[in-house]
Amino acid sequence: MILYLPQCLHDFGAWMPNAPSSMRQPPPCVKGTTTLQTYLDTLPEVNITCNTLLLFWLVSQEPKDQRHLGHYPDQHFTEECPGRSVVAFQRRLAEISQEIRARNKTLALPYAYLDPPLIENSVSI
């Protein structure tokens, strides 16, 4: 059995207050007691945030040897049954890609995040 688990990543973490890399103060223990000043005192300093953004930028760059979803240069399965499954999976990915590209032609702002040729075969950090 071959199990494919593609995943989606979202831009929620790009706004650093949504996902601070560190905290200078512990989180509040009681709801509703936080003030603007305690919130600002809790967020990391600017240099720490810049270092975190730099790290995120570095690990989000496309690798030189990127393999797209459904592309398997190494032939791990030589049997006929897994080969048929891989071909069927690649065919379905091509159909999905065509649907996404057709839909994007009608949009003012195309949404290409889930287009299979733009998705990596696995997470690479």
PDB file of N, CA and C in Angstrom:
ATOM      1  N   MET A   1       0.844  -1.174   0.000  1.00  0.00           N
ATOM      2  CA  MET A   1       0.000   0.000   0.000  1.00  0.00           C
ATOM      3  C   MET A   1       0.893   1.242   0.000  1.00  0.00           C
ATOM      4  N   ILE A   2       0.542   2.190  -0.818  1.00  0.00           N
ATOM      5  CA  ILE A   2       1.261   3.459  -0.871  1.00  0.00           C
ATOM      6  C   ILE A   2       0.352   4.514  -0.259  1.00  0.00           C
ATOM      7  N   LEU A   3       0.879   5.273   0.676  1.00  0.00           N
ATOM      8  CA  LEU A   3       0.100   6.291   1.354  1.00  0.00           C
ATOM      9  C   LEU A   3       0.699   7.656   1.042  1.00  0.00           C
ATOM     10  N   TYR A   4      -0.084   8.514   0.424  1.00  0.00           N
ATOM     11  CA  TYR A   4       0.368   9.861   0.087  1.00  0.00           C
ATOM     12  C   TYR A   4      -0.286  10.842   1.046  1.00  0.00           C
ATOM     13  N   LEU A   5       0.503  11.684   1.656  1.00  0.00           N
ATOM     14  CA  LEU A   5      -0.009  12.669   2.598  1.00  0.00           C
ATOM     15  C   LEU A   5       0.505  14.060   2.249  1.00  0.00           C
ATOM     16  N   PRO A   6      -0.035  14.697   1.208  1.00  0.00           N
ATOM     17  CA  PRO A   6       0.400  16.066   0.927  1.00  0.00           C
ATOM     18  C   PRO A   6      -0.115  16.999   2.015  1.00  0.00           C
ATOM     19  N   GLN A   7       0.577  18.091   2.219  1.00  0.00           N
ATOM     20  CA  GLN A   7       0.158  19.032   3.245  1.00  0.00           C
ATOM     21  C   GLN A   7       0.194  20.449   2.699  1.00  0.00           C
ATOM     22  N   CYS A   8      -0.509  21.321   3.370  1.00  0.00           N
ATOM     23  CA  CYS A   8      -0.560  22.730   2.979  1.00  0.00           C
ATOM     24  C   CYS A   8       0.054  23.566   4.093  1.00  0.00           C
ATOM     25  N   LEU A   9       0.817  24.533   3.706  1.00  0.00           N
ATOM     26  CA  LEU A   9       1.379  25.474   4.665  1.00  0.00           C
ATOM     27  C   LEU A   9       0.758  26.837   4.396  1.00  0.00           C
ATOM     28  N   HIS A  10       0.488  27.570   5.445  1.00  0.00           N
ATOM     29  CA  HIS A  10      -0.184  28.856   5.294  1.00  0.00           C
ATOM     30  C   HIS A  10       0.708  29.983   5.793  1.00  0.00           C
ATOM     31  N   ASP A  11       0.342  31.203   5.451  1.00  0.00           N
ATOM     32  CA  ASP A  11       1.142  32.380   5.768  1.00  0.00           C
ATOM     33  C   ASP A  11       0.850  32.957   7.151  1.00  0.00           C
ATOM     34  N   PHE A  12       0.144  32.225   7.998  1.00  0.00           N
ATOM     35  CA  PHE A  12      -0.207  32.724   9.330  1.00  0.00           C
ATOM     36  C   PHE A  12       1.031  33.109  10.127  1.00  0.00           C
ATOM     37  N   GLY A  13       2.078  32.322  10.025  1.00  0.00           N
ATOM     38  CA  GLY A  13       3.287  32.570  10.795  1.00  0.00           C
ATOM     39  C   GLY A  13       4.150  33.681  10.254  1.00  0.00           C
ATOM     40  N   ALA A  14       3.824  34.219   9.087  1.00  0.00           N
ATOM     41  CA  ALA A  14       4.631  35.291   8.513  1.00  0.00           C
ATOM     42  C   ALA A  14       4.483  36.594   9.308  1.00  0.00           C
ATOM     43  N   TRP A  15       3.369  36.764  10.003  1.00  0.00           N
ATOM     44  CA  TRP A  15       3.185  37.931  10.865  1.00  0.00           C
ATOM     45  C   TRP A  15       3.664  37.510  12.244  1.00  0.00           C
ATOM     46  N   MET A  16       4.828  37.980  12.639  1.00  0.00           N
ATOM     47  CA  MET A  16       5.531  37.454  13.806  1.00  0.00           C
ATOM     48  C   MET A  16       4.739  37.496  15.118  1.00  0.00           C
ATOM     49  N   PRO A  17       3.884  38.493  15.384  1.00  0.00           N
ATOM     50  CA  PRO A  17       3.105  38.407  16.632  1.00  0.00           C
ATOM     51  C   PRO A  17       2.169  37.193  16.686  1.00  0.00           C
ATOM     52  N   ASN A  18       1.812  36.604  15.529  1.00  0.00           N
ATOM     53  CA  ASN A  18       0.989  35.392  15.540  1.00  0.00           C
ATOM     54  C   ASN A  18       1.765  34.184  16.045  1.00  0.00           C
ATOM     55  N   ALA A  19       3.058  34.170  15.817  1.00  0.00           N
ATOM     56  CA  ALA A  19       3.885  33.024  16.206  1.00  0.00           C
ATOM     57  C   ALA A  19       5.272  33.506  16.623  1.00  0.00           C
ATOM     58  N   PRO A  20       5.371  34.167  17.773  1.00  0.00           N
ATOM     59  CA  PRO A  20       6.692  34.663  18.180  1.00  0.00           C
ATOM     60  C   PRO A  20       7.661  33.505  18.413  1.00  0.00           C
ATOM     61  N   SER A  21       8.908  33.728  18.062  1.00  0.00           N
ATOM     62  CA  SER A  21       9.912  32.673  18.193  1.00  0.00           C
ATOM     63  C   SER A  21      10.331  32.451  19.639  1.00  0.00           C
ATOM     64  N   SER A  22      10.170  33.445  20.453  1.00  0.00           N
ATOM     65  CA  SER A  22      10.503  33.329  21.875  1.00  0.00           C
ATOM     66  C   SER A  22       9.659  34.347  22.638  1.00  0.00           C
ATOM     67  N   MET A  23       9.648  34.198  23.943  1.00  0.00           N
ATOM     68  CA  MET A  23       8.906  35.134  24.783  1.00  0.00           C
ATOM     69  C   MET A  23       9.826  35.607  25.903  1.00  0.00           C
ATOM     70  N   ARG A  24       9.769  36.903  26.193  1.00  0.00           N
ATOM     71  CA  ARG A  24      10.610  37.449  27.261  1.00  0.00           C
ATOM     72  C   ARG A  24       9.933  37.353  28.624  1.00  0.00           C
ATOM     73  N   GLN A  25       8.646  37.106  28.636  1.00  0.00           N
ATOM     74  CA  GLN A  25       7.886  36.958  29.882  1.00  0.00           C
ATOM     75  C   GLN A  25       7.024  35.695  29.761  1.00  0.00           C
ATOM     76  N   PRO A  26       6.645  35.087  30.869  1.00  0.00           N
ATOM     77  CA  PRO A  26       5.755  33.924  30.781  1.00  0.00           C
ATOM     78  C   PRO A  26       4.360  34.355  30.329  1.00  0.00           C
ATOM     79  N   PRO A  27       3.615  33.453  29.722  1.00  0.00           N
ATOM     80  CA  PRO A  27       2.256  33.811  29.315  1.00  0.00           C
ATOM     81  C   PRO A  27       1.382  34.076  30.545  1.00  0.00           C
ATOM     82  N   PRO A  28       0.334  34.869  30.389  1.00  0.00           N
ATOM     83  CA  PRO A  28      -0.517  35.174  31.544  1.00  0.00           C
ATOM     84  C   PRO A  28      -1.227  33.912  32.045  1.00  0.00           C
ATOM     85  N   CYS A  29      -1.442  33.868  33.348  1.00  0.00           N
ATOM     86  CA  CYS A  29      -2.118  32.719  33.969  1.00  0.00           C
ATOM     87  C   CYS A  29      -3.620  32.939  34.090  1.00  0.00           C
ATOM     88  N   VAL A  30      -4.024  34.206  34.072  1.00  0.00           N
ATOM     89  CA  VAL A  30      -5.435  34.542  34.236  1.00  0.00           C
ATOM     90  C   VAL A  30      -5.899  35.296  33.000  1.00  0.00           C
ATOM     91  N   LYS A  31      -7.047  34.888  32.476  1.00  0.00           N
ATOM     92  CA  LYS A  31      -7.580  35.518  31.277  1.00  0.00           C
ATOM     93  C   LYS A  31      -8.018  36.955  31.571  1.00  0.00           C
ATOM     94  N   GLY A  32      -7.750  37.854  30.624  1.00  0.00           N
ATOM     95  CA  GLY A  32      -8.209  39.227  30.744  1.00  0.00           C
ATOM     96  C   GLY A  32      -7.316  40.144  31.562  1.00  0.00           C
ATOM     97  N   THR A  33      -6.153  39.686  31.975  1.00  0.00           N
ATOM     98  CA  THR A  33      -5.272  40.524  32.802  1.00  0.00           C
ATOM     99  C   THR A  33      -4.153  41.170  31.997  1.00  0.00           C
ATOM    100  N   THR A  34      -4.081  40.889  30.723  1.00  0.00           N
ATOM    101  CA  THR A  34      -2.991  41.407  29.899  1.00  0.00           C
ATOM    102  C   THR A  34      -3.283  42.835  29.456  1.00  0.00           C
ATOM    103  N   THR A  35      -2.273  43.670  29.541  1.00  0.00           N
ATOM    104  CA  THR A  35      -2.361  45.034  29.029  1.00  0.00           C
ATOM    105  C   THR A  35      -1.468  45.135  27.798  1.00  0.00           C
ATOM    106  N   LEU A  36      -1.558  46.246  27.109  1.00  0.00           N
ATOM    107  CA  LEU A  36      -0.700  46.450  25.947  1.00  0.00           C
ATOM    108  C   LEU A  36       0.770  46.394  26.356  1.00  0.00           C
ATOM    109  N   GLN A  37       1.085  46.969  27.500  1.00  0.00           N
ATOM    110  CA  GLN A  37       2.482  46.987  27.944  1.00  0.00           C
ATOM    111  C   GLN A  37       2.990  45.579  28.265  1.00  0.00           C
ATOM    112  N   THR A  38       2.177  44.755  28.942  1.00  0.00           N
ATOM    113  CA  THR A  38       2.632  43.385  29.235  1.00  0.00           C
ATOM    114  C   THR A  38       2.766  42.577  27.949  1.00  0.00           C
ATOM    115  N   TYR A  39       1.891  42.847  26.981  1.00  0.00           N
ATOM    116  CA  TYR A  39       1.992  42.170  25.678  1.00  0.00           C
ATOM    117  C   TYR A  39       3.301  42.554  24.981  1.00  0.00           C
ATOM    118  N   LEU A  40       3.600  43.847  24.954  1.00  0.00           N
ATOM    119  CA  LEU A  40       4.836  44.311  24.314  1.00  0.00           C
ATOM    120  C   LEU A  40       6.077  43.815  25.053  1.00  0.00           C
ATOM    121  N   ASP A  41       5.993  43.720  26.377  1.00  0.00           N
ATOM    122  CA  ASP A  41       7.122  43.201  27.160  1.00  0.00           C
ATOM    123  C   ASP A  41       7.348  41.710  26.920  1.00  0.00           C
ATOM    124  N   THR A  42       6.328  41.018  26.488  1.00  0.00           N
ATOM    125  CA  THR A  42       6.416  39.569  26.268  1.00  0.00           C
ATOM    126  C   THR A  42       7.008  39.231  24.906  1.00  0.00           C
ATOM    127  N   LEU A  43       6.737  40.045  23.895  1.00  0.00           N
ATOM    128  CA  LEU A  43       7.243  39.761  22.545  1.00  0.00           C
ATOM    129  C   LEU A  43       8.771  39.806  22.504  1.00  0.00           C
ATOM    130  N   PRO A  44       9.383  39.034  21.622  1.00  0.00           N
ATOM    131  CA  PRO A  44      10.849  39.058  21.532  1.00  0.00           C
ATOM    132  C   PRO A  44      11.351  40.396  20.997  1.00  0.00           C
ATOM    133  N   GLU A  45      12.618  40.660  21.244  1.00  0.00           N
ATOM    134  CA  GLU A  45      13.225  41.891  20.744  1.00  0.00           C
ATOM    135  C   GLU A  45      13.333  41.835  19.222  1.00  0.00           C
ATOM    136  N   VAL A  46      13.521  42.991  18.624  1.00  0.00           N
ATOM    137  CA  VAL A  46      13.540  43.100  17.164  1.00  0.00           C
ATOM    138  C   VAL A  46      14.651  42.249  16.553  1.00  0.00           C
ATOM    139  N   ASN A  47      15.838  42.234  17.145  1.00  0.00           N
ATOM    140  CA  ASN A  47      16.936  41.463  16.553  1.00  0.00           C
ATOM    141  C   ASN A  47      16.636  39.960  16.568  1.00  0.00           C
ATOM    142  N   ILE A  48      15.970  39.475  17.608  1.00  0.00           N
ATOM    143  CA  ILE A  48      15.587  38.057  17.668  1.00  0.00           C
ATOM    144  C   ILE A  48      14.562  37.755  16.578  1.00  0.00           C
ATOM    145  N   THR A  49      13.600  38.644  16.411  1.00  0.00           N
ATOM    146  CA  THR A  49      12.585  38.459  15.376  1.00  0.00           C
ATOM    147  C   THR A  49      13.220  38.485  13.992  1.00  0.00           C
ATOM    148  N   CYS A  50      14.168  39.381  13.770  1.00  0.00           N
ATOM    149  CA  CYS A  50      14.860  39.439  12.470  1.00  0.00           C
ATOM    150  C   CYS A  50      15.636  38.153  12.202  1.00  0.00           C
ATOM    151  N   ASN A  51      16.305  37.628  13.211  1.00  0.00           N
ATOM    152  CA  ASN A  51      17.025  36.359  13.047  1.00  0.00           C
ATOM    153  C   ASN A  51      16.065  35.221  12.707  1.00  0.00           C
ATOM    154  N   THR A  52      14.908  35.215  13.354  1.00  0.00           N
ATOM    155  CA  THR A  52      13.913  34.178  13.080  1.00  0.00           C
ATOM    156  C   THR A  52      13.389  34.300  11.660  1.00  0.00           C
ATOM    157  N   LEU A  53      13.087  35.517  11.228  1.00  0.00           N
ATOM    158  CA  LEU A  53      12.618  35.716   9.855  1.00  0.00           C
ATOM    159  C   LEU A  53      13.675  35.291   8.845  1.00  0.00           C
ATOM    160  N   LEU A  54      14.931  35.578   9.136  1.00  0.00           N
ATOM    161  CA  LEU A  54      16.017  35.154   8.258  1.00  0.00           C
ATOM    162  C   LEU A  54      16.080  33.635   8.172  1.00  0.00           C
ATOM    163  N   LEU A  55      15.950  32.970   9.306  1.00  0.00           N
ATOM    164  CA  LEU A  55      15.940  31.505   9.320  1.00  0.00           C
ATOM    165  C   LEU A  55      14.772  30.967   8.499  1.00  0.00           C
ATOM    166  N   PHE A  56      13.564  31.523   8.706  1.00  0.00           N
ATOM    167  CA  PHE A  56      12.398  31.083   7.933  1.00  0.00           C
ATOM    168  C   PHE A  56      12.623  31.302   6.445  1.00  0.00           C
ATOM    169  N   TRP A  57      13.217  32.433   6.092  1.00  0.00           N
ATOM    170  CA  TRP A  57      13.479  32.711   4.678  1.00  0.00           C
ATOM    171  C   TRP A  57      14.455  31.684   4.106  1.00  0.00           C
ATOM    172  N   LEU A  58      15.504  31.378   4.857  1.00  0.00           N
ATOM    173  CA  LEU A  58      16.500  30.419   4.373  1.00  0.00           C
ATOM    174  C   LEU A  58      15.906  29.035   4.149  1.00  0.00           C
ATOM    175  N   VAL A  59      15.115  28.557   5.093  1.00  0.00           N
ATOM    176  CA  VAL A  59      14.573  27.204   4.954  1.00  0.00           C
ATOM    177  C   VAL A  59      13.392  27.140   3.993  1.00  0.00           C
ATOM    178  N   SER A  60      12.858  28.290   3.577  1.00  0.00           N
ATOM    179  CA  SER A  60      11.738  28.270   2.635  1.00  0.00           C
ATOM    180  C   SER A  60      12.184  28.420   1.183  1.00  0.00           C
ATOM    181  N   GLN A  61      13.474  28.586   0.950  1.00  0.00           N
ATOM    182  CA  GLN A  61      13.979  28.694  -0.418  1.00  0.00           C
ATOM    183  C   GLN A  61      13.880  27.341  -1.114  1.00  0.00           C
ATOM    184  N   GLU A  62      13.578  27.381  -2.409  1.00  0.00           N
ATOM    185  CA  GLU A  62      13.490  26.135  -3.160  1.00  0.00           C
ATOM    186  C   GLU A  62      14.871  25.503  -3.259  1.00  0.00           C
ATOM    187  N   PRO A  63      14.975  24.229  -2.914  1.00  0.00           N
ATOM    188  CA  PRO A  63      16.275  23.572  -3.042  1.00  0.00           C
ATOM    189  C   PRO A  63      16.637  23.358  -4.508  1.00  0.00           C
ATOM    190  N   LYS A  64      17.919  23.256  -4.773  1.00  0.00           N
ATOM    191  CA  LYS A  64      18.375  23.059  -6.157  1.00  0.00           C
ATOM    192  C   LYS A  64      17.936  21.708  -6.705  1.00  0.00           C
ATOM    193  N   ASP A  65      17.745  20.738  -5.824  1.00  0.00           N
ATOM    194  CA  ASP A  65      17.344  19.404  -6.266  1.00  0.00           C
ATOM    195  C   ASP A  65      15.877  19.122  -5.922  1.00  0.00           C
ATOM    196  N   GLN A  66      15.036  20.144  -6.018  1.00  0.00           N
ATOM    197  CA  GLN A  66      13.633  20.012  -5.638  1.00  0.00           C
ATOM    198  C   GLN A  66      12.922  18.963  -6.487  1.00  0.00           C
ATOM    199  N   ARG A  67      12.132  18.150  -5.814  1.00  0.00           N
ATOM    200  CA  ARG A  67      11.313  17.146  -6.489  1.00  0.00           C
ATOM    201  C   ARG A  67       9.862  17.487  -6.219  1.00  0.00           C
ATOM    202  N   HIS A  68       9.089  17.613  -7.274  1.00  0.00           N
ATOM    203  CA  HIS A  68       7.698  18.012  -7.139  1.00  0.00           C
ATOM    204  C   HIS A  68       6.825  16.812  -6.793  1.00  0.00           C
ATOM    205  N   LEU A  69       5.661  17.100  -6.244  1.00  0.00           N
ATOM    206  CA  LEU A  69       4.727  16.071  -5.818  1.00  0.00           C
ATOM    207  C   LEU A  69       4.430  15.113  -6.965  1.00  0.00           C
ATOM    208  N   GLY A  70       4.620  13.840  -6.724  1.00  0.00           N
ATOM    209  CA  GLY A  70       4.361  12.818  -7.729  1.00  0.00           C
ATOM    210  C   GLY A  70       5.539  12.504  -8.622  1.00  0.00           C
ATOM    211  N   HIS A  71       6.652  13.200  -8.441  1.00  0.00           N
ATOM    212  CA  HIS A  71       7.849  12.952  -9.263  1.00  0.00           C
ATOM    213  C   HIS A  71       8.814  12.095  -8.450  1.00  0.00           C
ATOM    214  N   TYR A  72       9.100  10.917  -8.976  1.00  0.00           N
ATOM    215  CA  TYR A  72       9.964   9.971  -8.270  1.00  0.00           C
ATOM    216  C   TYR A  72      11.103   9.557  -9.192  1.00  0.00           C
ATOM    217  N   PRO A  73      12.258  10.232  -9.126  1.00  0.00           N
ATOM    218  CA  PRO A  73      13.361   9.889 -10.023  1.00  0.00           C
ATOM    219  C   PRO A  73      13.975   8.522  -9.714  1.00  0.00           C
ATOM    220  N   ASP A  74      13.914   8.117  -8.451  1.00  0.00           N
ATOM    221  CA  ASP A  74      14.434   6.801  -8.083  1.00  0.00           C
ATOM    222  C   ASP A  74      13.287   5.799  -8.145  1.00  0.00           C
ATOM    223  N   GLN A  75      13.504   4.694  -8.793  1.00  0.00           N
ATOM    224  CA  GLN A  75      12.448   3.697  -8.919  1.00  0.00           C
ATOM    225  C   GLN A  75      12.563   2.704  -7.763  1.00  0.00           C
ATOM    226  N   HIS A  76      11.781   2.966  -6.703  1.00  0.00           N
ATOM    227  CA  HIS A  76      11.825   2.108  -5.521  1.00  0.00           C
ATOM    228  C   HIS A  76      10.966   0.857  -5.695  1.00  0.00           C
ATOM    229  N   PHE A  77       9.922   0.966  -6.509  1.00  0.00           N
ATOM    230  CA  PHE A  77       9.015  -0.161  -6.706  1.00  0.00           C
ATOM    231  C   PHE A  77       9.170  -0.677  -8.126  1.00  0.00           C
ATOM    232  N   THR A  78       9.552  -1.920  -8.254  1.00  0.00           N
ATOM    233  CA  THR A  78       9.707  -2.509  -9.584  1.00  0.00           C
ATOM    234  C   THR A  78       8.524  -3.399  -9.935  1.00  0.00           C
ATOM    235  N   GLU A  79       7.658  -3.688  -8.956  1.00  0.00           N
ATOM    236  CA  GLU A  79       6.493  -4.519  -9.223  1.00  0.00           C
ATOM    237  C   GLU A  79       5.465  -3.740 -10.033  1.00  0.00           C
ATOM    238  N   GLU A  80       4.583  -4.475 -10.682  1.00  0.00           N
ATOM    239  CA  GLU A  80       3.598  -3.851 -11.563  1.00  0.00           C
ATOM    240  C   GLU A  80       2.523  -3.091 -10.785  1.00  0.00           C
ATOM    241  N   CYS A  81       2.037  -3.632  -9.692  1.00  0.00           N
ATOM    242  CA  CYS A  81       0.942  -3.006  -8.940  1.00  0.00           C
ATOM    243  C   CYS A  81       1.320  -1.628  -8.392  1.00  0.00           C
ATOM    244  N   PRO A  82       2.433  -1.480  -7.687  1.00  0.00           N
ATOM    245  CA  PRO A  82       2.798  -0.131  -7.227  1.00  0.00           C
ATOM    246  C   PRO A  82       3.056   0.826  -8.388  1.00  0.00           C
ATOM    247  N   GLY A  83       3.600   0.309  -9.485  1.00  0.00           N
ATOM    248  CA  GLY A  83       3.842   1.157 -10.653  1.00  0.00           C
ATOM    249  C   GLY A  83       2.551   1.727 -11.209  1.00  0.00           C
ATOM    250  N   ARG A  84       1.499   0.893 -11.251  1.00  0.00           N
ATOM    251  CA  ARG A  84       0.191   1.372 -11.722  1.00  0.00           C
ATOM    252  C   ARG A  84      -0.358   2.437 -10.781  1.00  0.00           C
ATOM    253  N   SER A  85      -0.157   2.236  -9.480  1.00  0.00           N
ATOM    254  CA  SER A  85      -0.643   3.219  -8.503  1.00  0.00           C
ATOM    255  C   SER A  85       0.071   4.557  -8.667  1.00  0.00           C
ATOM    256  N   VAL A  86       1.366   4.513  -8.900  1.00  0.00           N
ATOM    257  CA  VAL A  86       2.132   5.748  -9.100  1.00  0.00           C
ATOM    258  C   VAL A  86       1.656   6.461 -10.360  1.00  0.00           C
ATOM    259  N   VAL A  87       1.449   5.712 -11.442  1.00  0.00           N
ATOM    260  CA  VAL A  87       0.981   6.310 -12.699  1.00  0.00           C
ATOM    261  C   VAL A  87      -0.412   6.912 -12.512  1.00  0.00           C
ATOM    262  N   ALA A  88      -1.300   6.204 -11.807  1.00  0.00           N
ATOM    263  CA  ALA A  88      -2.647   6.730 -11.557  1.00  0.00           C
ATOM    264  C   ALA A  88      -2.577   8.002 -10.710  1.00  0.00           C
ATOM    265  N   PHE A  89      -1.698   8.006  -9.721  1.00  0.00           N
ATOM    266  CA  PHE A  89      -1.523   9.187  -8.876  1.00  0.00           C
ATOM    267  C   PHE A  89      -1.012  10.365  -9.702  1.00  0.00           C
ATOM    268  N   GLN A  90      -0.030  10.135 -10.554  1.00  0.00           N
ATOM    269  CA  GLN A  90       0.514  11.200 -11.397  1.00  0.00           C
ATOM    270  C   GLN A  90      -0.535  11.713 -12.377  1.00  0.00           C
ATOM    271  N   ARG A  91      -1.354  10.812 -12.896  1.00  0.00           N
ATOM    272  CA  ARG A  91      -2.421  11.217 -13.818  1.00  0.00           C
ATOM    273  C   ARG A  91      -3.429  12.107 -13.094  1.00  0.00           C
ATOM    274  N   ARG A  92      -3.809  11.723 -11.872  1.00  0.00           N
ATOM    275  CA  ARG A  92      -4.761  12.521 -11.103  1.00  0.00           C
ATOM    276  C   ARG A  92      -4.167  13.884 -10.742  1.00  0.00           C
ATOM    277  N   LEU A  93      -2.887  13.924 -10.416  1.00  0.00           N
ATOM    278  CA  LEU A  93      -2.230  15.209 -10.141  1.00  0.00           C
ATOM    279  C   LEU A  93      -2.265  16.112 -11.364  1.00  0.00           C
ATOM    280  N   ALA A  94      -2.074  15.540 -12.556  1.00  0.00           N
ATOM    281  CA  ALA A  94      -2.126  16.327 -13.794  1.00  0.00           C
ATOM    282  C   ALA A  94      -3.528  16.889 -14.004  1.00  0.00           C
ATOM    283  N   GLU A  95      -4.559  16.088 -13.710  1.00  0.00           N
ATOM    284  CA  GLU A  95      -5.942  16.570 -13.834  1.00  0.00           C
ATOM    285  C   GLU A  95      -6.201  17.720 -12.861  1.00  0.00           C
ATOM    286  N   ILE A  96      -5.762  17.549 -11.634  1.00  0.00           N
ATOM    287  CA  ILE A  96      -5.947  18.603 -10.625  1.00  0.00           C
ATOM    288  C   ILE A  96      -5.238  19.880 -11.060  1.00  0.00           C
ATOM    289  N   SER A  97      -4.041  19.742 -11.590  1.00  0.00           N
ATOM    290  CA  SER A  97      -3.280  20.907 -12.045  1.00  0.00           C
ATOM    291  C   SER A  97      -4.005  21.619 -13.182  1.00  0.00           C
ATOM    292  N   GLN A  98      -4.564  20.856 -14.116  1.00  0.00           N
ATOM    293  CA  GLN A  98      -5.310  21.468 -15.223  1.00  0.00           C
ATOM    294  C   GLN A  98      -6.529  22.218 -14.703  1.00  0.00           C
ATOM    295  N   GLU A  99      -7.243  21.631 -13.727  1.00  0.00           N
ATOM    296  CA  GLU A  99      -8.410  22.299 -13.146  1.00  0.00           C
ATOM    297  C   GLU A  99      -8.005  23.603 -12.458  1.00  0.00           C
ATOM    298  N   ILE A 100      -6.924  23.569 -11.715  1.00  0.00           N
ATOM    299  CA  ILE A 100      -6.461  24.767 -11.001  1.00  0.00           C
ATOM    300  C   ILE A 100      -6.049  25.849 -11.994  1.00  0.00           C
ATOM    301  N   ARG A 101      -5.326  25.466 -13.029  1.00  0.00           N
ATOM    302  CA  ARG A 101      -4.883  26.461 -14.017  1.00  0.00           C
ATOM    303  C   ARG A 101      -6.059  27.048 -14.791  1.00  0.00           C
ATOM    304  N   ALA A 102      -7.066  26.219 -15.108  1.00  0.00           N
ATOM    305  CA  ALA A 102      -8.262  26.727 -15.789  1.00  0.00           C
ATOM    306  C   ALA A 102      -9.007  27.704 -14.882  1.00  0.00           C
ATOM    307  N   ARG A 103      -9.133  27.372 -13.609  1.00  0.00           N
ATOM    308  CA  ARG A 103      -9.809  28.262 -12.666  1.00  0.00           C
ATOM    309  C   ARG A 103      -9.038  29.563 -12.494  1.00  0.00           C
ATOM    310  N   ASN A 104      -7.711  29.469 -12.424  1.00  0.00           N
ATOM    311  CA  ASN A 104      -6.897  30.661 -12.210  1.00  0.00           C
ATOM    312  C   ASN A 104      -6.948  31.631 -13.385  1.00  0.00           C
ATOM    313  N   LYS A 105      -7.248  31.130 -14.586  1.00  0.00           N
ATOM    314  CA  LYS A 105      -7.360  32.030 -15.744  1.00  0.00           C
ATOM    315  C   LYS A 105      -8.514  33.008 -15.579  1.00  0.00           C
ATOM    316  N   THR A 106      -9.537  32.618 -14.804  1.00  0.00           N
ATOM    317  CA  THR A 106     -10.707  33.479 -14.624  1.00  0.00           C
ATOM    318  C   THR A 106     -10.595  34.374 -13.391  1.00  0.00           C
ATOM    319  N   LEU A 107      -9.548  34.192 -12.604  1.00  0.00           N
ATOM    320  CA  LEU A 107      -9.400  34.963 -11.367  1.00  0.00           C
ATOM    321  C   LEU A 107      -8.499  36.178 -11.571  1.00  0.00           C
ATOM    322  N   ALA A 108      -8.856  37.269 -10.918  1.00  0.00           N
ATOM    323  CA  ALA A 108      -8.006  38.461 -10.972  1.00  0.00           C
ATOM    324  C   ALA A 108      -6.697  38.210 -10.227  1.00  0.00           C
ATOM    325  N   LEU A 109      -6.780  37.467  -9.141  1.00  0.00           N
ATOM    326  CA  LEU A 109      -5.599  37.116  -8.353  1.00  0.00           C
ATOM    327  C   LEU A 109      -5.510  35.589  -8.299  1.00  0.00           C
ATOM    328  N   PRO A 110      -4.678  34.984  -9.142  1.00  0.00           N
ATOM    329  CA  PRO A 110      -4.602  33.514  -9.178  1.00  0.00           C
ATOM    330  C   PRO A 110      -4.139  32.931  -7.849  1.00  0.00           C
ATOM    331  N   TYR A 111      -4.693  31.770  -7.521  1.00  0.00           N
ATOM    332  CA  TYR A 111      -4.310  31.044  -6.308  1.00  0.00           C
ATOM    333  C   TYR A 111      -3.595  29.776  -6.743  1.00  0.00           C
ATOM    334  N   ALA A 112      -2.275  29.773  -6.620  1.00  0.00           N
ATOM    335  CA  ALA A 112      -1.480  28.657  -7.143  1.00  0.00           C
ATOM    336  C   ALA A 112      -0.849  27.804  -6.052  1.00  0.00           C
ATOM    337  N   TYR A 113      -1.168  28.065  -4.789  1.00  0.00           N
ATOM    338  CA  TYR A 113      -0.509  27.340  -3.699  1.00  0.00           C
ATOM    339  C   TYR A 113      -0.679  25.824  -3.788  1.00  0.00           C
ATOM    340  N   LEU A 114      -1.822  25.346  -4.239  1.00  0.00           N
ATOM    341  CA  LEU A 114      -2.083  23.907  -4.236  1.00  0.00           C
ATOM    342  C   LEU A 114      -1.920  23.270  -5.604  1.00  0.00           C
ATOM    343  N   ASP A 115      -1.304  23.966  -6.540  1.00  0.00           N
ATOM    344  CA  ASP A 115      -1.044  23.385  -7.855  1.00  0.00           C
ATOM    345  C   ASP A 115       0.061  22.333  -7.695  1.00  0.00           C
ATOM    346  N   PRO A 116      -0.208  21.070  -8.030  1.00  0.00           N
ATOM    347  CA  PRO A 116       0.763  19.996  -7.775  1.00  0.00           C
ATOM    348  C   PRO A 116       2.187  20.254  -8.271  1.00  0.00           C
ATOM    349  N   PRO A 117       2.415  20.862  -9.438  1.00  0.00           N
ATOM    350  CA  PRO A 117       3.810  21.109  -9.830  1.00  0.00           C
ATOM    351  C   PRO A 117       4.540  22.115  -8.935  1.00  0.00           C
ATOM    352  N   LEU A 118       3.807  22.826  -8.089  1.00  0.00           N
ATOM    353  CA  LEU A 118       4.426  23.805  -7.198  1.00  0.00           C
ATOM    354  C   LEU A 118       4.578  23.282  -5.774  1.00  0.00           C
ATOM    355  N   ILE A 119       4.170  22.034  -5.542  1.00  0.00           N
ATOM    356  CA  ILE A 119       4.253  21.434  -4.214  1.00  0.00           C
ATOM    357  C   ILE A 119       5.430  20.472  -4.183  1.00  0.00           C
ATOM    358  N   GLU A 120       6.228  20.569  -3.139  1.00  0.00           N
ATOM    359  CA  GLU A 120       7.363  19.652  -3.013  1.00  0.00           C
ATOM    360  C   GLU A 120       6.880  18.254  -2.644  1.00  0.00           C
ATOM    361  N   ASN A 121       7.665  17.265  -3.028  1.00  0.00           N
ATOM    362  CA  ASN A 121       7.325  15.875  -2.746  1.00  0.00           C
ATOM    363  C   ASN A 121       7.355  15.574  -1.256  1.00  0.00           C
ATOM    364  N   SER A 122       8.163  16.292  -0.513  1.00  0.00           N
ATOM    365  CA  SER A 122       8.226  16.109   0.932  1.00  0.00           C
ATOM    366  C   SER A 122       8.764  17.393   1.546  1.00  0.00           C
ATOM    367  N   VAL A 123       8.664  17.479   2.840  1.00  0.00           N
ATOM    368  CA  VAL A 123       9.193  18.646   3.534  1.00  0.00           C
ATOM    369  C   VAL A 123      10.707  18.534   3.551  1.00  0.00           C
ATOM    370  N   SER A 124      11.374  19.574   3.119  1.00  0.00           N
ATOM    371  CA  SER A 124      12.837  19.541   3.116  1.00  0.00           C
ATOM    372  C   SER A 124      13.357  20.754   3.856  1.00  0.00           C
ATOM    373  N   ILE A 125      13.994  20.516   4.949  1.00  0.00           N
ATOM    374  CA  ILE A 125      14.585  21.600   5.737  1.00  0.00           C
ATOM    375  C   ILE A 125      16.057  21.290   5.899  1.00  0.00           C
TER     376      ILE A 125
END
